[in-house]
C-alpha cells in the first residue's frame, strides 16, 4: 500500500529568501537522489483561510510502501538535507498516511 509523507515547514523569520530557495531546491532534489521516492511535489501556502499557523511550505512525497519510507528516513542524502534544514526551521509538521 502506498505511503504519503507530508512535510510542512515554518521558517524562522530571519531566514533569508535565498536560503529558503536553496532549501526548496535541495528538498525537491531528493526525488532524484533517493530511488524509494516515487514522486515529490511541493508548493507554498496560498490558502485564503488564514489557518496555516505560520507554515509556508508543504512537501508531499509518495513511497510504494512502508519499506520505501523506512529506507528513505535514514538515507544519507535525506539526513544531509535535514542538517541543512534544521538551522532555518521555526517548526515542522510531518504526517504520513497509507493511500
Protein backbone atom coordinates (compact mmCIF):
# COMPACT_ATOMS: atom_id res chain seq x y z
CA UNK A 1 0.00 0.00 0.00
CA UNK A 2 1.50 3.38 -0.99
CA UNK A 3 2.54 5.79 1.75
CA UNK A 4 2.22 9.56 1.52
CA UNK A 5 4.68 11.59 3.60
CA UNK A 6 3.61 15.21 4.14
CA UNK A 7 6.13 17.71 5.49
CA UNK A 8 5.02 21.22 6.46
CA UNK A 9 7.71 23.81 7.13
CA UNK A 10 7.67 27.03 9.11
CA UNK A 11 10.88 29.01 8.68
CA UNK A 12 12.42 31.34 11.22
CA UNK A 13 11.55 34.97 10.46
CA UNK A 14 15.20 35.85 9.86
CA UNK A 15 15.71 33.15 7.20
CA UNK A 16 16.89 34.86 4.04
CA UNK A 17 14.83 34.30 0.87
CA UNK A 18 17.94 32.86 -0.82
CA UNK A 19 18.21 30.27 1.97
CA UNK A 20 14.56 29.31 1.53
CA UNK A 21 15.08 28.92 -2.23
CA UNK A 22 18.14 26.73 -1.65
CA UNK A 23 16.15 24.54 0.74
CA UNK A 24 13.27 24.23 -1.72
CA UNK A 25 15.71 23.08 -4.41
CA UNK A 26 17.54 20.69 -2.07
CA UNK A 27 14.31 19.10 -0.86
CA UNK A 28 12.98 18.71 -4.41
CA UNK A 29 16.30 17.15 -5.47
CA UNK A 30 15.81 14.27 -3.04
CA UNK A 31 13.42 12.67 -5.54
CA UNK A 32 16.28 12.17 -7.99
CA UNK A 33 18.77 11.07 -5.33
CA UNK A 34 16.69 8.51 -3.43
CA UNK A 35 15.09 5.78 -5.52
CA UNK A 36 12.45 4.99 -2.89
CA UNK A 37 10.78 8.35 -3.62
CA UNK A 38 8.18 7.60 -6.28
CA UNK A 39 7.00 11.19 -6.51
CA UNK A 40 7.58 14.51 -4.82
CA UNK A 41 5.56 17.64 -5.23
CA UNK A 42 5.65 20.81 -3.24
CA UNK A 43 4.28 24.29 -3.02
CA UNK A 44 3.83 27.31 -0.84
CA UNK A 45 0.69 28.10 1.08
CA UNK A 46 -1.86 30.16 -0.80
CA UNK A 47 -4.93 29.45 1.33
CA UNK A 48 -7.16 32.47 1.94
CA UNK A 49 -8.43 30.95 5.23
CA UNK A 50 -5.59 32.23 7.41
CA UNK A 51 -5.23 28.94 9.30
CA UNK A 52 -1.66 28.00 8.32
CA UNK A 53 -0.22 28.94 11.73
CA UNK A 54 2.91 30.28 10.08
CA UNK A 55 3.62 27.18 7.98
CA UNK A 56 4.53 28.30 4.48
CA UNK A 57 5.73 25.19 2.61
CA UNK A 58 4.26 21.74 2.00
CA UNK A 59 6.23 18.83 0.54
CA UNK A 60 4.32 15.68 -0.43
CA UNK A 61 6.36 12.53 -1.05
CA UNK A 62 4.99 9.16 -2.13
CA UNK A 63 6.61 5.79 -1.39
CA UNK A 64 5.49 2.42 -2.76
CA UNK A 65 5.09 1.06 0.75
CA UNK A 66 6.32 1.29 4.33
CA UNK A 67 9.62 -0.33 3.33
CA UNK A 68 10.28 2.52 0.90
CA UNK A 69 9.67 5.08 3.61
CA UNK A 70 11.81 3.07 6.01
CA UNK A 71 14.68 3.27 3.52
CA UNK A 72 14.21 6.99 2.93
CA UNK A 73 14.28 8.19 6.53
CA UNK A 74 17.87 7.07 7.36
CA UNK A 75 19.17 7.58 3.80
CA UNK A 76 22.40 9.64 3.83
CA UNK A 77 21.04 12.17 1.32
CA UNK A 78 17.92 12.71 3.44
CA UNK A 79 19.96 13.08 6.63
CA UNK A 80 22.31 15.56 4.94
CA UNK A 81 19.31 17.61 3.80
CA UNK A 82 17.87 17.63 7.34
CA UNK A 83 21.14 19.09 8.66
CA UNK A 84 20.88 21.95 6.14
CA UNK A 85 17.22 22.50 7.02
CA UNK A 86 17.40 22.45 10.83
CA UNK A 87 19.03 25.85 11.44
CA UNK A 88 16.31 27.63 9.43
CA UNK A 89 13.29 25.95 11.00
CA UNK A 90 10.92 27.51 13.45
CA UNK A 91 8.69 24.42 13.28
CA UNK A 92 8.00 21.32 11.21
CA UNK A 93 4.96 19.05 11.00
CA UNK A 94 5.16 15.59 9.44
CA UNK A 95 2.14 13.38 8.75
CA UNK A 96 2.19 10.04 6.97
CA UNK A 97 -0.79 8.05 5.74
CA UNK A 98 -1.50 4.97 3.69
CA UNK A 99 -3.23 5.54 0.37
